[in-house]
Amino acid sequence: MITRKDVEHVAKLAQLELSESEKETLTRQLGDILKFVEKLGELNTDGVEPTYSVVPVSNVMRVDAEKPSLTQEEALSNAPEKDMGFFKIPKIME
């Protein structure tokens, strides 16, 4: 069972500021969710294969193939600024 103290602890971890009414509402809602999950645990799932998707899924990744890449000069050919063989960009952090 979810308690108000549990909700306050999770809110603190998530750095959330909740009003008193929000704490009450979330305590009740999370408790209801846990009751529902417990109810699902009562279902007879004998003979049901475990699955992570209800629709067929196939891998659409391409096969890795080695192929030539750009040379350093080609990669830097259109760079507005370069320095010592690297792209030069404006400093964004101190």
C-alpha atoms as a PDB file:
ATOM      1  CA  MET A   1       0.000   0.000   0.000  1.00  0.00           C
ATOM      2  CA  ILE A   2       1.255   3.456  -0.898  1.00  0.00           C
ATOM      3  CA  THR A   3       1.373   5.899   1.986  1.00  0.00           C
ATOM      4  CA  ARG A   4       1.533   9.662   2.003  1.00  0.00           C
ATOM      5  CA  LYS A   5       5.096   9.339   3.279  1.00  0.00           C
ATOM      6  CA  ASP A   6       5.978   7.262   0.160  1.00  0.00           C
ATOM      7  CA  VAL A   7       4.566   9.975  -2.112  1.00  0.00           C
ATOM      8  CA  GLU A   8       6.499  12.668  -0.242  1.00  0.00           C
ATOM      9  CA  HIS A   9       9.711  10.621  -0.518  1.00  0.00           C
ATOM     10  CA  VAL A  10       9.319  10.079  -4.286  1.00  0.00           C
ATOM     11  CA  ALA A  11       8.424  13.742  -4.778  1.00  0.00           C
ATOM     12  CA  LYS A  12      11.583  14.735  -2.917  1.00  0.00           C
ATOM     13  CA  LEU A  13      13.717  12.388  -5.061  1.00  0.00           C
ATOM     14  CA  ALA A  14      12.128  13.836  -8.216  1.00  0.00           C
ATOM     15  CA  GLN A  15      12.552  17.360  -6.832  1.00  0.00           C
ATOM     16  CA  LEU A  16       8.822  18.036  -7.105  1.00  0.00           C
ATOM     17  CA  GLU A  17       6.908  20.411  -4.899  1.00  0.00           C
ATOM     18  CA  LEU A  18       3.427  19.061  -4.242  1.00  0.00           C
ATOM     19  CA  SER A  19       0.533  20.767  -2.538  1.00  0.00           C
ATOM     20  CA  GLU A  20      -1.333  18.968   0.225  1.00  0.00           C
ATOM     21  CA  SER A  21      -4.216  18.142  -2.131  1.00  0.00           C
ATOM     22  CA  GLU A  22      -1.791  16.790  -4.759  1.00  0.00           C
ATOM     23  CA  LYS A  23      -0.192  14.544  -2.143  1.00  0.00           C
ATOM     24  CA  GLU A  24      -3.596  13.179  -1.165  1.00  0.00           C
ATOM     25  CA  THR A  25      -4.637  12.662  -4.796  1.00  0.00           C
ATOM     26  CA  LEU A  26      -1.385  10.922  -5.741  1.00  0.00           C
ATOM     27  CA  THR A  27      -1.497   8.693  -2.667  1.00  0.00           C
ATOM     28  CA  ARG A  28      -4.985   7.548  -3.629  1.00  0.00           C
ATOM     29  CA  GLN A  29      -4.203   7.181  -7.367  1.00  0.00           C
ATOM     30  CA  LEU A  30      -0.981   5.239  -6.848  1.00  0.00           C
ATOM     31  CA  GLY A  31      -2.752   2.971  -4.364  1.00  0.00           C
ATOM     32  CA  ASP A  32      -5.465   2.295  -6.953  1.00  0.00           C
ATOM     33  CA  ILE A  33      -2.821   1.484  -9.577  1.00  0.00           C
ATOM     34  CA  LEU A  34      -1.118  -1.007  -7.270  1.00  0.00           C
ATOM     35  CA  LYS A  35      -4.469  -2.663  -6.491  1.00  0.00           C
ATOM     36  CA  PHE A  36      -5.089  -3.036 -10.224  1.00  0.00           C
ATOM     37  CA  VAL A  37      -1.636  -4.564 -10.787  1.00  0.00           C
ATOM     38  CA  GLU A  38      -2.293  -7.023  -7.959  1.00  0.00           C
ATOM     39  CA  LYS A  39      -5.593  -7.930  -9.632  1.00  0.00           C
ATOM     40  CA  LEU A  40      -3.729  -8.636 -12.886  1.00  0.00           C
ATOM     41  CA  GLY A  41      -1.529 -11.047 -10.948  1.00  0.00           C
ATOM     42  CA  GLU A  42      -4.612 -13.180 -10.259  1.00  0.00           C
ATOM     43  CA  LEU A  43      -5.108 -13.938 -13.960  1.00  0.00           C
ATOM     44  CA  ASN A  44      -4.460 -17.459 -15.164  1.00  0.00           C
ATOM     45  CA  THR A  45      -1.669 -17.177 -17.729  1.00  0.00           C
ATOM     46  CA  ASP A  46      -0.956 -20.904 -18.090  1.00  0.00           C
ATOM     47  CA  GLY A  47      -0.239 -21.691 -21.725  1.00  0.00           C
ATOM     48  CA  VAL A  48       0.366 -18.050 -22.642  1.00  0.00           C
ATOM     49  CA  GLU A  49       3.812 -17.530 -24.124  1.00  0.00           C
ATOM     50  CA  PRO A  50       5.802 -14.618 -22.705  1.00  0.00           C
ATOM     51  CA  THR A  51       6.063 -11.770 -25.194  1.00  0.00           C
ATOM     52  CA  TYR A  52       7.269  -8.210 -25.377  1.00  0.00           C
ATOM     53  CA  SER A  53       5.147  -7.247 -28.377  1.00  0.00           C
ATOM     54  CA  VAL A  54       1.735  -8.299 -29.628  1.00  0.00           C
ATOM     55  CA  VAL A  55       2.642  -7.669 -33.265  1.00  0.00           C
ATOM     56  CA  PRO A  56       5.382  -9.465 -35.186  1.00  0.00           C
ATOM     57  CA  VAL A  57       8.651  -7.551 -35.111  1.00  0.00           C
ATOM     58  CA  SER A  58      11.618  -8.152 -37.367  1.00  0.00           C
ATOM     59  CA  ASN A  59      15.068  -6.632 -37.389  1.00  0.00           C
ATOM     60  CA  VAL A  60      15.370  -3.925 -40.037  1.00  0.00           C
ATOM     61  CA  MET A  61      19.022  -3.188 -39.420  1.00  0.00           C
ATOM     62  CA  ARG A  62      21.385  -3.410 -42.352  1.00  0.00           C
ATOM     63  CA  VAL A  63      24.362  -5.704 -42.352  1.00  0.00           C
ATOM     64  CA  ASP A  64      27.576  -3.951 -41.365  1.00  0.00           C
ATOM     65  CA  ALA A  65      29.811  -3.648 -44.367  1.00  0.00           C
ATOM     66  CA  GLU A  66      33.277  -2.177 -44.414  1.00  0.00           C
ATOM     67  CA  LYS A  67      33.624   0.630 -46.919  1.00  0.00           C
ATOM     68  CA  PRO A  68      36.069   3.463 -47.488  1.00  0.00           C
ATOM     69  CA  SER A  69      35.570   6.681 -45.553  1.00  0.00           C
ATOM     70  CA  LEU A  70      36.620  10.280 -46.132  1.00  0.00           C
ATOM     71  CA  THR A  71      40.188  11.286 -45.681  1.00  0.00           C
ATOM     72  CA  GLN A  72      40.913  13.963 -43.116  1.00  0.00           C
ATOM     73  CA  GLU A  73      41.482  16.496 -45.901  1.00  0.00           C
ATOM     74  CA  GLU A  74      38.165  15.613 -47.585  1.00  0.00           C
ATOM     75  CA  ALA A  75      36.275  15.858 -44.282  1.00  0.00           C
ATOM     76  CA  LEU A  76      37.755  19.305 -43.563  1.00  0.00           C
ATOM     77  CA  SER A  77      37.526  20.602 -47.142  1.00  0.00           C
ATOM     78  CA  ASN A  78      34.357  22.675 -46.554  1.00  0.00           C
ATOM     79  CA  ALA A  79      34.999  23.579 -42.915  1.00  0.00           C
ATOM     80  CA  PRO A  80      34.762  27.341 -42.370  1.00  0.00           C
ATOM     81  CA  GLU A  81      37.626  27.131 -39.866  1.00  0.00           C
ATOM     82  CA  LYS A  82      40.095  24.386 -39.054  1.00  0.00           C
ATOM     83  CA  ASP A  83      43.065  24.112 -36.723  1.00  0.00           C
ATOM     84  CA  MET A  84      45.726  21.393 -36.596  1.00  0.00           C
ATOM     85  CA  GLY A  85      43.601  18.958 -38.609  1.00  0.00           C
ATOM     86  CA  PHE A  86      40.382  19.469 -36.586  1.00  0.00           C
ATOM     87  CA  PHE A  87      37.169  21.449 -37.036  1.00  0.00           C
ATOM     88  CA  LYS A  88      37.425  24.765 -35.165  1.00  0.00           C
ATOM     89  CA  ILE A  89      34.192  25.939 -33.580  1.00  0.00           C
ATOM     90  CA  PRO A  90      33.311  28.809 -31.255  1.00  0.00           C
ATOM     91  CA  LYS A  91      33.866  28.117 -27.553  1.00  0.00           C
ATOM     92  CA  ILE A  92      30.577  27.348 -25.823  1.00  0.00           C
ATOM     93  CA  MET A  93      31.777  26.560 -22.283  1.00  0.00           C
ATOM     94  CA  GLU A  94      34.292  28.130 -19.951  1.00  0.00           C
END
